[in-house]
Amino acid sequence: QVQLVESGGGLVQPGGSLRLSCTASRSIFSINAIGWYRQAPGKQREWVALLHNGGSTTYKEAVKGRFTTSRDSAKNTVFLQMDNLKPEETAVYYCNVGKLWGQGTQVTVSS
């Protein structure tokens, strides 16, 4: 059973940056698209970004130009670089591959 483990969350001030990581227990990212999602308190989980298996990316309109997802296949890890974070982006962030979900990592944007 493949597992996904996110890390890199934390507390950051508005306008700050964080880089999230999602590491798989074995090599799957080169043949699967990887999605990033987030769930704020009291809200539904929403899609944020997609890294296609060919390397292209797609982003939610609200994060375009500020978030970047990338992959290090040798380390079975994908990243979500988040810049200029906003308080309303406080949420638990998850990576997803098919039916696999990580446990999530908390991102809190607050002064």
PDB file of N, CA and C in Angstrom:
ATOM      1  N   GLN A   1       0.844  -1.185   0.000  1.00  0.00           N
ATOM      2  CA  GLN A   1       0.000   0.000   0.000  1.00  0.00           C
ATOM      3  C   GLN A   1       0.888   1.246   0.000  1.00  0.00           C
ATOM      4  N   VAL A   2       0.704   2.056  -1.027  1.00  0.00           N
ATOM      5  CA  VAL A   2       1.482   3.288  -1.112  1.00  0.00           C
ATOM      6  C   VAL A   2       0.935   4.303  -0.115  1.00  0.00           C
ATOM      7  N   GLN A   3       1.824   5.004   0.541  1.00  0.00           N
ATOM      8  CA  GLN A   3       1.420   6.067   1.452  1.00  0.00           C
ATOM      9  C   GLN A   3       1.973   7.401   1.001  1.00  0.00           C
ATOM     10  N   LEU A   4       1.201   8.439   1.268  1.00  0.00           N
ATOM     11  CA  LEU A   4       1.621   9.808   0.978  1.00  0.00           C
ATOM     12  C   LEU A   4       1.764  10.547   2.304  1.00  0.00           C
ATOM     13  N   VAL A   5       2.849  11.269   2.461  1.00  0.00           N
ATOM     14  CA  VAL A   5       3.092  12.011   3.689  1.00  0.00           C
ATOM     15  C   VAL A   5       3.414  13.455   3.351  1.00  0.00           C
ATOM     16  N   GLU A   6       2.573  14.363   3.831  1.00  0.00           N
ATOM     17  CA  GLU A   6       2.821  15.790   3.614  1.00  0.00           C
ATOM     18  C   GLU A   6       3.629  16.358   4.784  1.00  0.00           C
ATOM     19  N   SER A   7       4.359  17.409   4.485  1.00  0.00           N
ATOM     20  CA  SER A   7       5.081  18.143   5.514  1.00  0.00           C
ATOM     21  C   SER A   7       5.311  19.562   5.033  1.00  0.00           C
ATOM     22  N   GLY A   8       5.775  20.409   5.947  1.00  0.00           N
ATOM     23  CA  GLY A   8       6.135  21.764   5.560  1.00  0.00           C
ATOM     24  C   GLY A   8       5.152  22.835   5.985  1.00  0.00           C
ATOM     25  N   GLY A   9       4.044  22.435   6.561  1.00  0.00           N
ATOM     26  CA  GLY A   9       3.085  23.432   7.014  1.00  0.00           C
ATOM     27  C   GLY A   9       3.597  24.178   8.228  1.00  0.00           C
ATOM     28  N   GLY A  10       2.843  25.185   8.615  1.00  0.00           N
ATOM     29  CA  GLY A  10       3.234  25.964   9.780  1.00  0.00           C
ATOM     30  C   GLY A  10       2.504  27.285   9.831  1.00  0.00           C
ATOM     31  N   LEU A  11       3.004  28.155  10.687  1.00  0.00           N
ATOM     32  CA  LEU A  11       2.429  29.488  10.850  1.00  0.00           C
ATOM     33  C   LEU A  11       3.270  30.486  10.077  1.00  0.00           C
ATOM     34  N   VAL A  12       2.624  31.299   9.283  1.00  0.00           N
ATOM     35  CA  VAL A  12       3.325  32.294   8.485  1.00  0.00           C
ATOM     36  C   VAL A  12       2.500  33.577   8.470  1.00  0.00           C
ATOM     37  N   GLN A  13       3.176  34.700   8.399  1.00  0.00           N
ATOM     38  CA  GLN A  13       2.478  35.977   8.337  1.00  0.00           C
ATOM     39  C   GLN A  13       1.910  36.211   6.949  1.00  0.00           C
ATOM     40  N   PRO A  14       0.878  37.012   6.855  1.00  0.00           N
ATOM     41  CA  PRO A  14       0.355  37.358   5.518  1.00  0.00           C
ATOM     42  C   PRO A  14       1.471  37.907   4.638  1.00  0.00           C
ATOM     43  N   GLY A  15       1.484  37.454   3.411  1.00  0.00           N
ATOM     44  CA  GLY A  15       2.547  37.834   2.493  1.00  0.00           C
ATOM     45  C   GLY A  15       3.748  36.916   2.536  1.00  0.00           C
ATOM     46  N   GLY A  16       3.754  36.004   3.467  1.00  0.00           N
ATOM     47  CA  GLY A  16       4.884  35.082   3.608  1.00  0.00           C
ATOM     48  C   GLY A  16       4.788  33.894   2.682  1.00  0.00           C
ATOM     49  N   SER A  17       5.768  33.000   2.820  1.00  0.00           N
ATOM     50  CA  SER A  17       5.869  31.831   1.946  1.00  0.00           C
ATOM     51  C   SER A  17       6.058  30.562   2.749  1.00  0.00           C
ATOM     52  N   LEU A  18       5.584  29.483   2.173  1.00  0.00           N
ATOM     53  CA  LEU A  18       5.829  28.149   2.700  1.00  0.00           C
ATOM     54  C   LEU A  18       6.016  27.208   1.518  1.00  0.00           C
ATOM     55  N   ARG A  19       6.789  26.157   1.755  1.00  0.00           N
ATOM     56  CA  ARG A  19       6.905  25.109   0.753  1.00  0.00           C
ATOM     57  C   ARG A  19       6.468  23.801   1.371  1.00  0.00           C
ATOM     58  N   LEU A  20       5.414  23.244   0.807  1.00  0.00           N
ATOM     59  CA  LEU A  20       4.907  21.963   1.262  1.00  0.00           C
ATOM     60  C   LEU A  20       5.545  20.839   0.460  1.00  0.00           C
ATOM     61  N   SER A  21       5.718  19.703   1.107  1.00  0.00           N
ATOM     62  CA  SER A  21       6.242  18.520   0.447  1.00  0.00           C
ATOM     63  C   SER A  21       5.259  17.371   0.597  1.00  0.00           C
ATOM     64  N   CYS A  22       5.243  16.522  -0.393  1.00  0.00           N
ATOM     65  CA  CYS A  22       4.426  15.310  -0.353  1.00  0.00           C
ATOM     66  C   CYS A  22       5.314  14.177  -0.843  1.00  0.00           C
ATOM     67  N   THR A  23       5.614  13.264   0.059  1.00  0.00           N
ATOM     68  CA  THR A  23       6.524  12.168  -0.279  1.00  0.00           C
ATOM     69  C   THR A  23       5.754  10.854  -0.323  1.00  0.00           C
ATOM     70  N   ALA A  24       5.984  10.106  -1.381  1.00  0.00           N
ATOM     71  CA  ALA A  24       5.333   8.806  -1.543  1.00  0.00           C
ATOM     72  C   ALA A  24       6.267   7.697  -1.076  1.00  0.00           C
ATOM     73  N   SER A  25       5.675   6.614  -0.599  1.00  0.00           N
ATOM     74  CA  SER A  25       6.489   5.509  -0.075  1.00  0.00           C
ATOM     75  C   SER A  25       7.152   4.710  -1.189  1.00  0.00           C
ATOM     76  N   ARG A  26       6.701   4.921  -2.421  1.00  0.00           N
ATOM     77  CA  ARG A  26       7.400   4.348  -3.559  1.00  0.00           C
ATOM     78  C   ARG A  26       7.144   5.214  -4.768  1.00  0.00           C
ATOM     79  N   SER A  27       7.837   4.913  -5.854  1.00  0.00           N
ATOM     80  CA  SER A  27       7.794   5.772  -7.029  1.00  0.00           C
ATOM     81  C   SER A  27       6.459   5.666  -7.750  1.00  0.00           C
ATOM     82  N   ILE A  28       5.679   6.737  -7.673  1.00  0.00           N
ATOM     83  CA  ILE A  28       4.400   6.763  -8.383  1.00  0.00           C
ATOM     84  C   ILE A  28       4.188   8.077  -9.129  1.00  0.00           C
ATOM     85  N   PHE A  29       4.958   9.093  -8.776  1.00  0.00           N
ATOM     86  CA  PHE A  29       4.652  10.418  -9.304  1.00  0.00           C
ATOM     87  C   PHE A  29       4.970  10.565 -10.783  1.00  0.00           C
ATOM     88  N   SER A  30       5.859   9.762 -11.301  1.00  0.00           N
ATOM     89  CA  SER A  30       6.217   9.938 -12.705  1.00  0.00           C
ATOM     90  C   SER A  30       5.142   9.386 -13.638  1.00  0.00           C
ATOM     91  N   ILE A  31       4.206   8.605 -13.119  1.00  0.00           N
ATOM     92  CA  ILE A  31       3.191   8.006 -13.965  1.00  0.00           C
ATOM     93  C   ILE A  31       1.787   8.423 -13.573  1.00  0.00           C
ATOM     94  N   ASN A  32       1.679   9.301 -12.605  1.00  0.00           N
ATOM     95  CA  ASN A  32       0.364   9.745 -12.147  1.00  0.00           C
ATOM     96  C   ASN A  32       0.340  11.253 -11.972  1.00  0.00           C
ATOM     97  N   ALA A  33      -0.806  11.817 -12.185  1.00  0.00           N
ATOM     98  CA  ALA A  33      -0.984  13.227 -11.871  1.00  0.00           C
ATOM     99  C   ALA A  33      -1.129  13.384 -10.356  1.00  0.00           C
ATOM    100  N   ILE A  34      -0.625  14.487  -9.848  1.00  0.00           N
ATOM    101  CA  ILE A  34      -0.681  14.743  -8.412  1.00  0.00           C
ATOM    102  C   ILE A  34      -1.478  16.017  -8.169  1.00  0.00           C
ATOM    103  N   GLY A  35      -2.456  15.913  -7.304  1.00  0.00           N
ATOM    104  CA  GLY A  35      -3.289  17.062  -6.983  1.00  0.00           C
ATOM    105  C   GLY A  35      -2.999  17.589  -5.596  1.00  0.00           C
ATOM    106  N   TRP A  36      -3.133  18.886  -5.436  1.00  0.00           N
ATOM    107  CA  TRP A  36      -3.063  19.533  -4.128  1.00  0.00           C
ATOM    108  C   TRP A  36      -4.450  20.101  -3.817  1.00  0.00           C
ATOM    109  N   TYR A  37      -4.892  19.878  -2.594  1.00  0.00           N
ATOM    110  CA  TYR A  37      -6.188  20.350  -2.143  1.00  0.00           C
ATOM    111  C   TYR A  37      -6.018  21.024  -0.793  1.00  0.00           C
ATOM    112  N   ARG A  38      -7.033  21.764  -0.387  1.00  0.00           N
ATOM    113  CA  ARG A  38      -7.013  22.343   0.944  1.00  0.00           C
ATOM    114  C   ARG A  38      -8.427  22.361   1.507  1.00  0.00           C
ATOM    115  N   GLN A  39      -8.486  22.328   2.817  1.00  0.00           N
ATOM    116  CA  GLN A  39      -9.778  22.367   3.493  1.00  0.00           C
ATOM    117  C   GLN A  39      -9.676  23.306   4.672  1.00  0.00           C
ATOM    118  N   ALA A  40     -10.416  24.393   4.582  1.00  0.00           N
ATOM    119  CA  ALA A  40     -10.463  25.358   5.666  1.00  0.00           C
ATOM    120  C   ALA A  40     -11.530  24.930   6.672  1.00  0.00           C
ATOM    121  N   PRO A  41     -11.428  25.401   7.894  1.00  0.00           N
ATOM    122  CA  PRO A  41     -12.423  25.030   8.919  1.00  0.00           C
ATOM    123  C   PRO A  41     -13.841  25.363   8.486  1.00  0.00           C
ATOM    124  N   GLY A  42     -14.721  24.381   8.560  1.00  0.00           N
ATOM    125  CA  GLY A  42     -16.116  24.594   8.223  1.00  0.00           C
ATOM    126  C   GLY A  42     -16.426  24.655   6.738  1.00  0.00           C
ATOM    127  N   LYS A  43     -15.406  24.384   5.916  1.00  0.00           N
ATOM    128  CA  LYS A  43     -15.610  24.456   4.469  1.00  0.00           C
ATOM    129  C   LYS A  43     -15.293  23.118   3.812  1.00  0.00           C
ATOM    130  N   GLN A  44     -15.750  22.979   2.590  1.00  0.00           N
ATOM    131  CA  GLN A  44     -15.457  21.770   1.841  1.00  0.00           C
ATOM    132  C   GLN A  44     -14.032  21.799   1.323  1.00  0.00           C
ATOM    133  N   ARG A  45     -13.482  20.612   1.116  1.00  0.00           N
ATOM    134  CA  ARG A  45     -12.162  20.520   0.526  1.00  0.00           C
ATOM    135  C   ARG A  45     -12.218  21.055  -0.898  1.00  0.00           C
ATOM    136  N   GLU A  46     -11.208  21.837  -1.265  1.00  0.00           N
ATOM    137  CA  GLU A  46     -11.182  22.408  -2.612  1.00  0.00           C
ATOM    138  C   GLU A  46      -9.856  22.111  -3.286  1.00  0.00           C
ATOM    139  N   TRP A  47      -9.935  21.999  -4.580  1.00  0.00           N
ATOM    140  CA  TRP A  47      -8.741  21.746  -5.391  1.00  0.00           C
ATOM    141  C   TRP A  47      -7.933  23.036  -5.517  1.00  0.00           C
ATOM    142  N   VAL A  48      -6.609  22.887  -5.502  1.00  0.00           N
ATOM    143  CA  VAL A  48      -5.712  24.036  -5.569  1.00  0.00           C
ATOM    144  C   VAL A  48      -4.806  23.971  -6.795  1.00  0.00           C
ATOM    145  N   ALA A  49      -4.204  22.806  -7.032  1.00  0.00           N
ATOM    146  CA  ALA A  49      -3.224  22.716  -8.107  1.00  0.00           C
ATOM    147  C   ALA A  49      -3.132  21.270  -8.576  1.00  0.00           C
ATOM    148  N   LEU A  50      -2.681  21.115  -9.815  1.00  0.00           N
ATOM    149  CA  LEU A  50      -2.509  19.791 -10.391  1.00  0.00           C
ATOM    150  C   LEU A  50      -1.202  19.751 -11.153  1.00  0.00           C
ATOM    151  N   LEU A  51      -0.405  18.732 -10.860  1.00  0.00           N
ATOM    152  CA  LEU A  51       0.832  18.479 -11.597  1.00  0.00           C
ATOM    153  C   LEU A  51       0.575  17.250 -12.453  1.00  0.00           C
ATOM    154  N   HIS A  52       0.487  17.448 -13.754  1.00  0.00           N
ATOM    155  CA  HIS A  52       0.193  16.354 -14.658  1.00  0.00           C
ATOM    156  C   HIS A  52       1.422  15.459 -14.789  1.00  0.00           C
ATOM    157  N   ASN A  53       1.209  14.207 -15.162  1.00  0.00           N
ATOM    158  CA  ASN A  53       2.351  13.296 -15.212  1.00  0.00           C
ATOM    159  C   ASN A  53       3.358  13.699 -16.270  1.00  0.00           C
ATOM    160  N   GLY A  54       2.963  14.482 -17.242  1.00  0.00           N
ATOM    161  CA  GLY A  54       3.911  14.971 -18.238  1.00  0.00           C
ATOM    162  C   GLY A  54       4.701  16.177 -17.777  1.00  0.00           C
ATOM    163  N   GLY A  55       4.323  16.717 -16.606  1.00  0.00           N
ATOM    164  CA  GLY A  55       5.066  17.843 -16.058  1.00  0.00           C
ATOM    165  C   GLY A  55       4.347  19.176 -16.142  1.00  0.00           C
ATOM    166  N   SER A  56       3.298  19.247 -16.924  1.00  0.00           N
ATOM    167  CA  SER A  56       2.571  20.512 -16.990  1.00  0.00           C
ATOM    168  C   SER A  56       1.760  20.707 -15.714  1.00  0.00           C
ATOM    169  N   THR A  57       1.337  21.938 -15.481  1.00  0.00           N
ATOM    170  CA  THR A  57       0.636  22.269 -14.246  1.00  0.00           C
ATOM    171  C   THR A  57      -0.642  23.058 -14.530  1.00  0.00           C
ATOM    172  N   THR A  58      -1.578  22.933 -13.623  1.00  0.00           N
ATOM    173  CA  THR A  58      -2.825  23.682 -13.677  1.00  0.00           C
ATOM    174  C   THR A  58      -3.116  24.179 -12.271  1.00  0.00           C
ATOM    175  N   TYR A  59      -3.615  25.416 -12.178  1.00  0.00           N
ATOM    176  CA  TYR A  59      -3.846  26.022 -10.867  1.00  0.00           C
ATOM    177  C   TYR A  59      -5.243  26.617 -10.766  1.00  0.00           C
ATOM    178  N   LYS A  60      -5.737  26.588  -9.550  1.00  0.00           N
ATOM    179  CA  LYS A  60      -6.961  27.338  -9.230  1.00  0.00           C
ATOM    180  C   LYS A  60      -6.672  28.809  -9.530  1.00  0.00           C
ATOM    181  N   GLU A  61      -7.640  29.484 -10.092  1.00  0.00           N
ATOM    182  CA  GLU A  61      -7.437  30.866 -10.511  1.00  0.00           C
ATOM    183  C   GLU A  61      -6.908  31.737  -9.380  1.00  0.00           C
ATOM    184  N   ALA A  62      -7.400  31.515  -8.185  1.00  0.00           N
ATOM    185  CA  ALA A  62      -7.049  32.384  -7.059  1.00  0.00           C
ATOM    186  C   ALA A  62      -5.588  32.267  -6.633  1.00  0.00           C
ATOM    187  N   VAL A  63      -4.910  31.192  -7.045  1.00  0.00           N
ATOM    188  CA  VAL A  63      -3.520  31.004  -6.611  1.00  0.00           C
ATOM    189  C   VAL A  63      -2.530  31.162  -7.758  1.00  0.00           C
ATOM    190  N   LYS A  64      -3.009  31.374  -8.944  1.00  0.00           N
ATOM    191  CA  LYS A  64      -2.119  31.533 -10.091  1.00  0.00           C
ATOM    192  C   LYS A  64      -1.131  32.664  -9.862  1.00  0.00           C
ATOM    193  N   GLY A  65       0.106  32.388 -10.189  1.00  0.00           N
ATOM    194  CA  GLY A  65       1.136  33.395 -10.022  1.00  0.00           C
ATOM    195  C   GLY A  65       1.748  33.414  -8.631  1.00  0.00           C
ATOM    196  N   ARG A  66       1.125  32.725  -7.690  1.00  0.00           N
ATOM    197  CA  ARG A  66       1.647  32.693  -6.318  1.00  0.00           C
ATOM    198  C   ARG A  66       2.046  31.283  -5.877  1.00  0.00           C
ATOM    199  N   PHE A  67       1.379  30.280  -6.391  1.00  0.00           N
ATOM    200  CA  PHE A  67       1.667  28.884  -6.030  1.00  0.00           C
ATOM    201  C   PHE A  67       2.345  28.199  -7.215  1.00  0.00           C
ATOM    202  N   THR A  68       3.285  27.325  -6.891  1.00  0.00           N
ATOM    203  CA  THR A  68       3.963  26.550  -7.923  1.00  0.00           C
ATOM    204  C   THR A  68       4.140  25.121  -7.426  1.00  0.00           C
ATOM    205  N   THR A  69       3.726  24.165  -8.228  1.00  0.00           N
ATOM    206  CA  THR A  69       3.938  22.767  -7.862  1.00  0.00           C
ATOM    207  C   THR A  69       4.987  22.166  -8.775  1.00  0.00           C
ATOM    208  N   SER A  70       5.814  21.307  -8.201  1.00  0.00           N
ATOM    209  CA  SER A  70       6.903  20.701  -8.957  1.00  0.00           C
ATOM    210  C   SER A  70       7.176  19.316  -8.384  1.00  0.00           C
ATOM    211  N   ARG A  71       8.070  18.612  -9.042  1.00  0.00           N
ATOM    212  CA  ARG A  71       8.305  17.221  -8.693  1.00  0.00           C
ATOM    213  C   ARG A  71       9.794  16.910  -8.668  1.00  0.00           C
ATOM    214  N   ASP A  72      10.214  16.121  -7.701  1.00  0.00           N
ATOM    215  CA  ASP A  72      11.549  15.535  -7.685  1.00  0.00           C
ATOM    216  C   ASP A  72      11.346  14.023  -7.706  1.00  0.00           C
ATOM    217  N   SER A  73      11.359  13.469  -8.896  1.00  0.00           N
ATOM    218  CA  SER A  73      11.043  12.046  -9.041  1.00  0.00           C
ATOM    219  C   SER A  73      12.047  11.158  -8.324  1.00  0.00           C
ATOM    220  N   ALA A  74      13.294  11.576  -8.282  1.00  0.00           N
ATOM    221  CA  ALA A  74      14.326  10.766  -7.627  1.00  0.00           C
ATOM    222  C   ALA A  74      14.056  10.599  -6.137  1.00  0.00           C
ATOM    223  N   LYS A  75      13.351  11.581  -5.564  1.00  0.00           N
ATOM    224  CA  LYS A  75      13.037  11.536  -4.142  1.00  0.00           C
ATOM    225  C   LYS A  75      11.576  11.173  -3.892  1.00  0.00           C
ATOM    226  N   ASN A  76      10.857  10.809  -4.946  1.00  0.00           N
ATOM    227  CA  ASN A  76       9.423  10.476  -4.818  1.00  0.00           C
ATOM    228  C   ASN A  76       8.666  11.579  -4.085  1.00  0.00           C
ATOM    229  N   THR A  77       9.005  12.800  -4.410  1.00  0.00           N
ATOM    230  CA  THR A  77       8.450  13.938  -3.678  1.00  0.00           C
ATOM    231  C   THR A  77       7.930  14.997  -4.640  1.00  0.00           C
ATOM    232  N   VAL A  78       6.802  15.556  -4.292  1.00  0.00           N
ATOM    233  CA  VAL A  78       6.288  16.716  -5.008  1.00  0.00           C
ATOM    234  C   VAL A  78       6.201  17.872  -4.019  1.00  0.00           C
ATOM    235  N   PHE A  79       6.261  19.066  -4.568  1.00  0.00           N
ATOM    236  CA  PHE A  79       6.304  20.265  -3.741  1.00  0.00           C
ATOM    237  C   PHE A  79       5.186  21.223  -4.140  1.00  0.00           C
ATOM    238  N   LEU A  80       4.767  22.005  -3.189  1.00  0.00           N
ATOM    239  CA  LEU A  80       3.870  23.115  -3.463  1.00  0.00           C
ATOM    240  C   LEU A  80       4.482  24.347  -2.817  1.00  0.00           C
ATOM    241  N   GLN A  81       5.065  25.194  -3.654  1.00  0.00           N
ATOM    242  CA  GLN A  81       5.626  26.444  -3.182  1.00  0.00           C
ATOM    243  C   GLN A  81       4.508  27.479  -3.149  1.00  0.00           C
ATOM    244  N   MET A  82       4.309  28.075  -1.996  1.00  0.00           N
ATOM    245  CA  MET A  82       3.215  29.029  -1.822  1.00  0.00           C
ATOM    246  C   MET A  82       3.800  30.369  -1.397  1.00  0.00           C
ATOM    247  N   ASP A  83       3.621  31.359  -2.219  1.00  0.00           N
ATOM    248  CA  ASP A  83       4.126  32.698  -1.939  1.00  0.00           C
ATOM    249  C   ASP A  83       2.974  33.673  -1.747  1.00  0.00           C
ATOM    250  N   ASN A  84       3.282  34.777  -1.089  1.00  0.00           N
ATOM    251  CA  ASN A  84       2.290  35.827  -0.854  1.00  0.00           C
ATOM    252  C   ASN A  84       0.992  35.251  -0.280  1.00  0.00           C
ATOM    253  N   LEU A  85       1.131  34.473   0.752  1.00  0.00           N
ATOM    254  CA  LEU A  85      -0.023  33.813   1.352  1.00  0.00           C
ATOM    255  C   LEU A  85      -0.973  34.809   1.999  1.00  0.00           C
ATOM    256  N   LYS A  86      -2.245  34.449   1.989  1.00  0.00           N
ATOM    257  CA  LYS A  86      -3.303  35.299   2.525  1.00  0.00           C
ATOM    258  C   LYS A  86      -3.985  34.608   3.703  1.00  0.00           C
ATOM    259  N   PRO A  87      -4.513  35.364   4.634  1.00  0.00           N
ATOM    260  CA  PRO A  87      -5.163  34.747   5.807  1.00  0.00           C
ATOM    261  C   PRO A  87      -6.269  33.772   5.434  1.00  0.00           C
ATOM    262  N   GLU A  88      -6.984  34.068   4.367  1.00  0.00           N
ATOM    263  CA  GLU A  88      -8.080  33.179   3.972  1.00  0.00           C
ATOM    264  C   GLU A  88      -7.598  31.854   3.399  1.00  0.00           C
ATOM    265  N   GLU A  89      -6.284  31.723   3.245  1.00  0.00           N
ATOM    266  CA  GLU A  89      -5.728  30.465   2.766  1.00  0.00           C
ATOM    267  C   GLU A  89      -5.296  29.547   3.912  1.00  0.00           C
ATOM    268  N   THR A  90      -5.632  29.935   5.107  1.00  0.00           N
ATOM    269  CA  THR A  90      -5.441  29.051   6.251  1.00  0.00           C
ATOM    270  C   THR A  90      -6.300  27.809   6.062  1.00  0.00           C
ATOM    271  N   ALA A  91      -5.649  26.654   6.125  1.00  0.00           N
ATOM    272  CA  ALA A  91      -6.348  25.401   5.849  1.00  0.00           C
ATOM    273  C   ALA A  91      -5.405  24.232   6.099  1.00  0.00           C
ATOM    274  N   VAL A  92      -5.970  23.055   6.059  1.00  0.00           N
ATOM    275  CA  VAL A  92      -5.153  21.845   5.999  1.00  0.00           C
ATOM    276  C   VAL A  92      -4.965  21.526   4.522  1.00  0.00           C
ATOM    277  N   TYR A  93      -3.721  21.355   4.139  1.00  0.00           N
ATOM    278  CA  TYR A  93      -3.388  21.094   2.748  1.00  0.00           C
ATOM    279  C   TYR A  93      -3.068  19.610   2.571  1.00  0.00           C
ATOM    280  N   TYR A  94      -3.594  19.044   1.480  1.00  0.00           N
ATOM    281  CA  TYR A  94      -3.444  17.627   1.197  1.00  0.00           C
ATOM    282  C   TYR A  94      -2.882  17.414  -0.207  1.00  0.00           C
ATOM    283  N   CYS A  95      -2.120  16.349  -0.374  1.00  0.00           N
ATOM    284  CA  CYS A  95      -1.777  15.900  -1.719  1.00  0.00           C
ATOM    285  C   CYS A  95      -2.607  14.653  -2.014  1.00  0.00           C
ATOM    286  N   ASN A  96      -2.801  14.423  -3.298  1.00  0.00           N
ATOM    287  CA  ASN A  96      -3.691  13.349  -3.743  1.00  0.00           C
ATOM    288  C   ASN A  96      -3.178  12.716  -5.018  1.00  0.00           C
ATOM    289  N   VAL A  97      -3.205  11.402  -5.052  1.00  0.00           N
ATOM    290  CA  VAL A  97      -2.908  10.646  -6.259  1.00  0.00           C
ATOM    291  C   VAL A  97      -3.981   9.574  -6.376  1.00  0.00           C
ATOM    292  N   GLY A  98      -4.840   9.725  -7.364  1.00  0.00           N
ATOM    293  CA  GLY A  98      -5.928   8.768  -7.522  1.00  0.00           C
ATOM    294  C   GLY A  98      -6.788   8.717  -6.270  1.00  0.00           C
ATOM    295  N   LYS A  99      -6.862   7.560  -5.643  1.00  0.00           N
ATOM    296  CA  LYS A  99      -7.648   7.414  -4.422  1.00  0.00           C
ATOM    297  C   LYS A  99      -6.812   7.603  -3.163  1.00  0.00           C
ATOM    298  N   LEU A 100      -5.531   7.899  -3.334  1.00  0.00           N
ATOM    299  CA  LEU A 100      -4.628   8.068  -2.197  1.00  0.00           C
ATOM    300  C   LEU A 100      -4.614   9.507  -1.720  1.00  0.00           C
ATOM    301  N   TRP A 101      -4.678   9.661  -0.407  1.00  0.00           N
ATOM    302  CA  TRP A 101      -4.590  10.977   0.213  1.00  0.00           C
ATOM    303  C   TRP A 101      -3.551  10.928   1.333  1.00  0.00           C
ATOM    304  N   GLY A 102      -2.831  12.006   1.476  1.00  0.00           N
ATOM    305  CA  GLY A 102      -1.962  12.119   2.632  1.00  0.00           C
ATOM    306  C   GLY A 102      -2.772  12.519   3.852  1.00  0.00           C
ATOM    307  N   GLN A 103      -2.073  12.676   4.964  1.00  0.00           N
ATOM    308  CA  GLN A 103      -2.748  13.016   6.214  1.00  0.00           C
ATOM    309  C   GLN A 103      -3.011  14.510   6.343  1.00  0.00           C
ATOM    310  N   GLY A 104      -2.386  15.286   5.482  1.00  0.00           N
ATOM    311  CA  GLY A 104      -2.580  16.725   5.511  1.00  0.00           C
ATOM    312  C   GLY A 104      -1.556  17.430   6.379  1.00  0.00           C
ATOM    313  N   THR A 105      -1.319  18.687   6.055  1.00  0.00           N
ATOM    314  CA  THR A 105      -0.434  19.523   6.850  1.00  0.00           C
ATOM    315  C   THR A 105      -1.098  20.885   7.040  1.00  0.00           C
ATOM    316  N   GLN A 106      -1.064  21.379   8.273  1.00  0.00           N
ATOM    317  CA  GLN A 106      -1.761  22.613   8.605  1.00  0.00           C
ATOM    318  C   GLN A 106      -0.955  23.823   8.162  1.00  0.00           C
ATOM    319  N   VAL A 107      -1.623  24.721   7.465  1.00  0.00           N
ATOM    320  CA  VAL A 107      -1.045  26.008   7.093  1.00  0.00           C
ATOM    321  C   VAL A 107      -1.897  27.096   7.743  1.00  0.00           C
ATOM    322  N   THR A 108      -1.261  27.930   8.539  1.00  0.00           N
ATOM    323  CA  THR A 108      -1.965  29.022   9.198  1.00  0.00           C
ATOM    324  C   THR A 108      -1.313  30.328   8.794  1.00  0.00           C
ATOM    325  N   VAL A 109      -2.111  31.207   8.209  1.00  0.00           N
ATOM    326  CA  VAL A 109      -1.614  32.505   7.770  1.00  0.00           C
ATOM    327  C   VAL A 109      -2.227  33.560   8.680  1.00  0.00           C
ATOM    328  N   SER A 110      -1.391  34.125   9.523  1.00  0.00           N
ATOM    329  CA  SER A 110      -1.908  35.058  10.516  1.00  0.00           C
ATOM    330  C   SER A 110      -0.794  35.960  11.018  1.00  0.00           C
ATOM    331  N   SER A 111      -1.164  37.176  11.353  1.00  0.00           N
ATOM    332  CA  SER A 111      -0.204  38.099  11.945  1.00  0.00           C
ATOM    333  C   SER A 111      -0.263  38.029  13.473  1.00  0.00           C
TER     334      SER A 111
END
